[in-house]
Amino acid sequence: MQHLAWEAASLSSCSLLSCAFVMGLQAGTRLLHRNLVILPVVMVMLLCVSAGPAVPTASSRTAAFAGFPADCSHLRKTSPSGVYVIQPAKSPPRVVWCDMDTEGKGWTVVQRNSHDTELTWKQSWTTYKYGFGNVQGDHWLGTEYLHLLTQQGTYKVRFVVRNKANVTHYAEYDIFRVESEATGYPLRLGRFSGDGDDYLTSYYPKKGGIHDNMKFSTTDRDQDQYSGNCASSYGGWWYDRCQNVLLNAKNHILWPGFCDSGDCASSLILVKPTDVCYLY
């Protein structure tokens, strides 16, 4: 079995019930996915921190284990893509998918969606905040974790979409940051590069306006610039007057020029540190 590059801490504080549950969970997981790269002991550690979800609270921060990387860029370059545990500053440990195949290696996957997904993207503010789905498949890492991840330093982002002809396209921004919940989780993007047009930081009055600097909206928290609630029709996203680009929706993945009618087969959002200067 593949393994993490970090040693597990002591499990003396772990309850027997939690340990038994995790061992059983891991046994079942291995049957479904034999290449899973998390050791059972690591999953035990995560449940030993808290019996509940990994919510960023003061108590969970003090209990967080040392030794986990801040993001996937700290993995050895020879590490395979797969499931790992990271721990951004001021965050509890978090299970993520690390992409070691995309150009540059060391990308942390924060979103994955497929056109025929079983996920319901019309979720509440709290559900988006802490994330949902399965990191081995379609998922949203969590808006709060996006904030904690990108407040550690300067990050860049790569949006990847695959059209129905199975052709992959990308759009990259040399700065990516999600601000705090207190400010509405607004999106901050830098300069664009890619094999299509910039539909996130450019303004399109005849489409959805712009996405850069917009606050995050969900079905129960409307923060867009539209008279209605864009998220109630699609899913959580950084809307202006609804969207130019939409990756968080069921049966509708949109990026103009790549899949104009919302028929992209899949989407992926990847982040990693960059040395570009971000002015706060």
Protein backbone atom coordinates (compact mmCIF):
# COMPACT_ATOMS: atom_id res chain seq x y z
CA MET A 1 0.00 0.00 0.00
CA GLN A 2 1.19 3.50 -0.79
CA HIS A 3 1.85 5.69 2.22
CA LEU A 4 2.14 9.25 3.47
CA ALA A 5 5.50 10.91 3.97
CA TRP A 6 4.69 11.90 7.53
CA GLU A 7 4.69 9.71 10.61
CA ALA A 8 1.56 9.30 12.70
CA ALA A 9 1.43 10.84 16.17
CA SER A 10 0.54 8.95 19.33
CA LEU A 11 -3.00 7.55 19.46
CA SER A 12 -3.21 7.34 23.26
CA SER A 13 -6.15 9.78 23.43
CA CYS A 14 -8.21 7.89 20.87
CA SER A 15 -11.42 6.27 22.02
CA LEU A 16 -11.76 2.57 21.29
CA LEU A 17 -15.11 3.20 19.62
CA SER A 18 -13.66 5.74 17.19
CA CYS A 19 -10.70 3.51 16.41
CA ALA A 20 -12.90 0.50 15.76
CA PHE A 21 -15.16 2.54 13.51
CA VAL A 22 -12.27 3.89 11.45
CA MET A 23 -10.60 0.52 11.05
CA GLY A 24 -13.87 -0.88 9.77
CA LEU A 25 -14.32 2.07 7.44
CA GLN A 26 -10.83 1.66 6.05
CA ALA A 27 -11.31 -2.06 5.52
CA GLY A 28 -14.40 -1.34 3.44
CA THR A 29 -12.69 1.48 1.58
CA ARG A 30 -9.77 -0.71 0.55
CA LEU A 31 -12.19 -3.14 -1.06
CA LEU A 32 -13.60 -0.31 -3.14
CA HIS A 33 -10.36 1.50 -3.91
CA ARG A 34 -7.23 -0.55 -3.46
CA ASN A 35 -4.93 2.35 -4.32
CA LEU A 36 -6.15 4.60 -1.49
CA VAL A 37 -3.10 6.36 -0.10
CA ILE A 38 -4.24 7.14 3.44
CA LEU A 39 -3.00 4.76 6.09
CA PRO A 40 -5.68 3.54 8.51
CA VAL A 41 -3.69 5.06 11.36
CA VAL A 42 -3.99 8.52 9.78
CA MET A 43 -7.77 8.22 9.64
CA VAL A 44 -7.73 7.13 13.28
CA MET A 45 -5.80 10.27 14.14
CA LEU A 46 -8.36 12.46 12.42
CA LEU A 47 -11.28 10.96 14.30
CA CYS A 48 -9.33 11.11 17.54
CA VAL A 49 -9.18 14.90 17.21
CA SER A 50 -12.97 15.09 17.27
CA ALA A 51 -15.91 12.74 17.00
CA GLY A 52 -17.65 15.30 14.80
CA PRO A 53 -16.78 16.90 11.44
CA ALA A 54 -13.50 18.74 11.02
CA VAL A 55 -14.90 22.20 11.74
CA PRO A 56 -12.31 24.97 12.29
CA THR A 57 -12.86 25.81 15.97
CA ALA A 58 -10.43 27.02 18.61
CA SER A 59 -10.48 23.65 20.37
CA SER A 60 -9.82 21.69 17.20
CA ARG A 61 -6.94 23.98 16.25
CA THR A 62 -5.18 23.35 19.54
CA ALA A 63 -5.70 19.62 19.12
CA ALA A 64 -4.43 19.52 15.52
CA PHE A 65 -1.49 17.23 14.96
CA ALA A 66 1.87 18.58 13.87
CA GLY A 67 3.57 17.20 10.81
CA PHE A 68 0.90 17.46 8.11
CA PRO A 69 1.78 19.61 5.07
CA ALA A 70 0.01 22.93 4.55
CA ASP A 71 -1.07 21.85 1.05
CA CYS A 72 -0.25 19.33 -1.67
CA SER A 73 2.73 21.32 -2.97
CA HIS A 74 4.76 19.97 -0.03
CA LEU A 75 4.51 16.39 -1.27
CA ARG A 76 7.55 14.75 -2.80
CA LYS A 77 7.49 15.24 -6.57
CA THR A 78 7.57 11.47 -6.98
CA SER A 79 4.40 11.01 -4.93
CA PRO A 80 1.39 9.69 -6.85
CA SER A 81 -1.91 11.51 -7.19
CA GLY A 82 -4.32 10.41 -4.50
CA VAL A 83 -5.89 11.07 -1.13
CA TYR A 84 -3.70 12.80 1.46
CA VAL A 85 -4.09 14.76 4.68
CA ILE A 86 -3.13 18.43 4.77
CA GLN A 87 -3.38 21.05 7.49
CA PRO A 88 -3.46 24.71 6.45
CA ALA A 89 -2.54 27.30 9.08
CA LYS A 90 -5.32 27.80 11.66
CA SER A 91 -7.18 24.77 10.32
CA PRO A 92 -7.73 21.22 11.57
CA PRO A 93 -6.36 18.40 9.38
CA ARG A 94 -8.29 17.99 6.13
CA VAL A 95 -8.54 15.07 3.73
CA VAL A 96 -7.96 16.20 0.13
CA TRP A 97 -7.11 14.86 -3.30
CA CYS A 98 -3.60 15.84 -4.40
CA ASP A 99 -3.05 16.07 -8.16
CA MET A 100 0.53 15.10 -8.97
CA ASP A 101 -0.08 14.65 -12.71
CA THR A 102 -1.14 18.12 -13.87
CA GLU A 103 1.66 20.42 -15.05
CA GLY A 104 3.81 21.56 -12.13
CA LYS A 105 2.59 18.82 -9.74
CA GLY A 106 1.50 19.49 -6.17
CA TRP A 107 -2.00 20.83 -6.87
CA THR A 108 -4.67 20.70 -4.17
CA VAL A 109 -8.06 19.83 -5.65
CA VAL A 110 -10.82 22.03 -4.20
CA GLN A 111 -13.66 21.14 -6.59
CA ARG A 112 -14.57 18.34 -8.94
CA ASN A 113 -17.85 17.96 -10.81
CA SER A 114 -19.19 15.79 -13.60
CA HIS A 115 -22.17 16.54 -15.81
CA ASP A 116 -24.12 13.49 -14.65
CA THR A 117 -23.07 13.85 -11.01
CA GLU A 118 -25.12 12.37 -8.21
CA LEU A 119 -24.36 15.43 -6.06
CA THR A 120 -26.94 18.10 -5.43
CA TRP A 121 -25.16 21.44 -5.77
CA LYS A 122 -28.13 23.44 -4.47
CA GLN A 123 -26.82 23.30 -0.92
CA SER A 124 -27.03 25.61 2.09
CA TRP A 125 -24.43 28.13 3.20
CA THR A 126 -23.26 25.85 6.02
CA THR A 127 -22.96 22.82 3.75
CA TYR A 128 -20.82 24.80 1.30
CA LYS A 129 -18.81 26.23 4.18
CA TYR A 130 -17.58 22.84 5.37
CA GLY A 131 -17.74 20.96 2.07
CA PHE A 132 -19.53 17.92 0.69
CA GLY A 133 -19.04 14.98 -1.64
CA ASN A 134 -16.18 12.49 -1.86
CA VAL A 135 -12.64 13.73 -2.54
CA GLN A 136 -12.09 10.68 -4.75
CA GLY A 137 -14.95 11.90 -6.95
CA ASP A 138 -17.24 14.90 -7.21
CA HIS A 139 -16.92 17.26 -4.25
CA TRP A 140 -16.61 20.77 -2.88
CA LEU A 141 -13.75 21.08 -0.38
CA GLY A 142 -15.47 23.80 1.65
CA THR A 143 -15.56 27.58 1.33
CA GLU A 144 -14.07 27.98 4.80
CA TYR A 145 -11.19 25.69 3.87
CA LEU A 146 -10.65 27.64 0.65
CA HIS A 147 -10.30 30.73 2.82
CA LEU A 148 -7.95 29.07 5.32
CA LEU A 149 -5.89 27.51 2.54
CA THR A 150 -5.42 30.71 0.54
CA GLN A 151 -4.80 33.03 3.48
CA GLN A 152 -1.51 31.22 4.22
CA GLY A 153 0.25 33.01 1.37
CA THR A 154 -0.22 33.70 -2.32
CA TYR A 155 -1.92 30.97 -4.35
CA LYS A 156 -2.76 30.48 -8.00
CA VAL A 157 -5.67 28.55 -9.46
CA ARG A 158 -6.30 26.42 -12.52
CA PHE A 159 -9.86 25.80 -13.72
CA VAL A 160 -10.03 22.72 -15.94
CA VAL A 161 -13.04 21.71 -18.03
CA ARG A 162 -13.50 18.77 -20.36
CA ASN A 163 -16.02 19.16 -23.17
CA LYS A 164 -18.35 16.47 -24.49
CA ALA A 165 -15.81 15.64 -27.22
CA ASN A 166 -13.38 14.72 -24.40
CA VAL A 167 -11.11 17.71 -25.11
CA THR A 168 -9.63 19.35 -22.01
CA HIS A 169 -9.30 23.14 -21.67
CA TYR A 170 -7.97 25.29 -18.86
CA ALA A 171 -7.96 28.81 -17.47
CA GLU A 172 -5.30 29.83 -14.96
CA TYR A 173 -5.10 32.90 -12.71
CA ASP A 174 -1.81 33.78 -11.07
CA ILE A 175 -3.58 34.88 -7.87
CA PHE A 176 -6.44 33.09 -6.15
CA ARG A 177 -7.80 34.05 -2.78
CA VAL A 178 -11.07 33.59 -0.92
CA GLU A 179 -11.63 36.13 1.83
CA SER A 180 -13.30 35.44 5.18
CA GLU A 181 -16.86 34.45 5.94
CA ALA A 182 -17.37 37.78 7.72
CA THR A 183 -16.91 39.52 4.37
CA GLY A 184 -19.00 36.99 2.42
CA TYR A 185 -16.18 34.78 1.06
CA PRO A 186 -15.49 37.11 -1.90
CA LEU A 187 -13.32 35.80 -4.74
CA ARG A 188 -10.01 37.51 -5.63
CA LEU A 189 -8.31 36.61 -8.90
CA GLY A 190 -5.12 37.76 -10.62
CA ARG A 191 -3.93 37.73 -14.22
CA PHE A 192 -5.39 35.27 -16.69
CA SER A 193 -3.69 32.74 -18.95
CA GLY A 194 -5.14 29.73 -20.74
CA ASP A 195 -6.34 28.28 -24.03
CA GLY A 196 -9.62 30.20 -24.14
CA ASP A 197 -11.08 33.53 -23.08
CA ASP A 198 -11.17 35.06 -19.62
CA TYR A 199 -14.75 34.86 -18.35
CA LEU A 200 -14.04 35.37 -14.66
CA THR A 201 -12.20 38.69 -14.39
CA SER A 202 -13.53 40.30 -17.59
CA TYR A 203 -16.90 42.05 -17.55
CA TYR A 204 -19.59 40.79 -19.93
CA PRO A 205 -22.70 42.99 -19.67
CA LYS A 206 -24.72 40.77 -22.02
CA LYS A 207 -23.91 37.64 -20.04
CA GLY A 208 -23.53 37.36 -16.28
CA GLY A 209 -21.41 40.41 -15.58
CA ILE A 210 -18.23 39.41 -13.73
CA HIS A 211 -17.16 36.86 -11.11
CA ASP A 212 -13.99 38.40 -9.70
CA ASN A 213 -14.58 40.23 -6.38
CA MET A 214 -18.10 38.83 -6.07
CA LYS A 215 -19.31 37.37 -2.77
CA PHE A 216 -20.29 33.72 -2.55
CA SER A 217 -24.02 32.97 -2.80
CA THR A 218 -26.05 29.91 -1.82
CA THR A 219 -29.73 29.01 -1.82
CA ASP A 220 -30.18 30.45 1.67
CA ARG A 221 -27.76 33.39 1.45
CA ASP A 222 -28.22 35.55 -1.65
CA GLN A 223 -25.25 37.89 -2.13
CA ASP A 224 -25.35 38.36 -5.91
CA GLN A 225 -26.16 41.53 -7.88
CA TYR A 226 -29.23 40.06 -9.53
CA SER A 227 -32.85 40.78 -8.59
CA GLY A 228 -33.42 37.06 -7.97
CA ASN A 229 -31.29 34.36 -6.37
CA CYS A 230 -28.92 32.81 -8.91
CA ALA A 231 -27.86 30.05 -6.50
CA SER A 232 -31.42 28.79 -6.12
CA SER A 233 -31.43 27.94 -9.84
CA TYR A 234 -27.99 26.33 -10.03
CA GLY A 235 -25.81 26.06 -6.93
CA GLY A 236 -23.35 27.95 -4.76
CA TRP A 237 -20.99 30.24 -6.70
CA TRP A 238 -19.50 33.73 -6.98
CA TYR A 239 -22.34 35.36 -8.90
CA ASP A 240 -22.79 38.87 -10.23
CA ARG A 241 -25.91 38.97 -12.41
CA CYS A 242 -25.85 35.19 -12.41
CA GLN A 243 -22.98 33.75 -14.44
CA ASN A 244 -20.57 33.75 -17.33
CA VAL A 245 -18.98 30.60 -15.92
CA LEU A 246 -20.69 28.00 -13.75
CA LEU A 247 -19.00 24.85 -12.48
CA ASN A 248 -21.12 24.11 -9.40
CA ALA A 249 -24.33 22.75 -10.90
CA LYS A 250 -25.99 19.45 -11.66
CA ASN A 251 -26.26 18.63 -15.39
CA HIS A 252 -24.98 22.11 -16.29
CA ILE A 253 -21.24 22.89 -16.44
CA LEU A 254 -20.67 26.11 -18.36
CA TRP A 255 -17.60 27.85 -19.77
CA PRO A 256 -18.24 29.94 -22.93
CA GLY A 257 -16.11 28.88 -25.87
CA PHE A 258 -15.58 25.44 -24.39
CA CYS A 259 -19.16 24.36 -23.72
CA ASP A 260 -21.53 27.24 -24.46
CA SER A 261 -24.73 25.37 -23.65
CA GLY A 262 -23.54 24.10 -20.27
CA ASP A 263 -22.73 20.64 -21.58
CA CYS A 264 -19.15 20.29 -20.33
CA ALA A 265 -18.49 16.70 -19.26
CA SER A 266 -16.53 17.65 -16.15
CA SER A 267 -14.76 20.40 -14.22
CA LEU A 268 -11.85 20.61 -11.82
CA ILE A 269 -10.48 23.45 -9.68
CA LEU A 270 -6.84 23.14 -8.57
CA VAL A 271 -4.79 25.48 -6.37
CA LYS A 272 -1.13 25.72 -5.37
CA PRO A 273 1.25 28.37 -4.01
CA THR A 274 2.84 30.94 -6.30
CA ASP A 275 5.58 33.55 -5.90
CA VAL A 276 3.43 36.33 -7.38
CA CYS A 277 3.06 39.30 -5.03
CA TYR A 278 -0.44 39.84 -3.62
CA LEU A 279 -1.21 43.34 -2.32
CA TYR A 280 -3.51 43.09 0.69
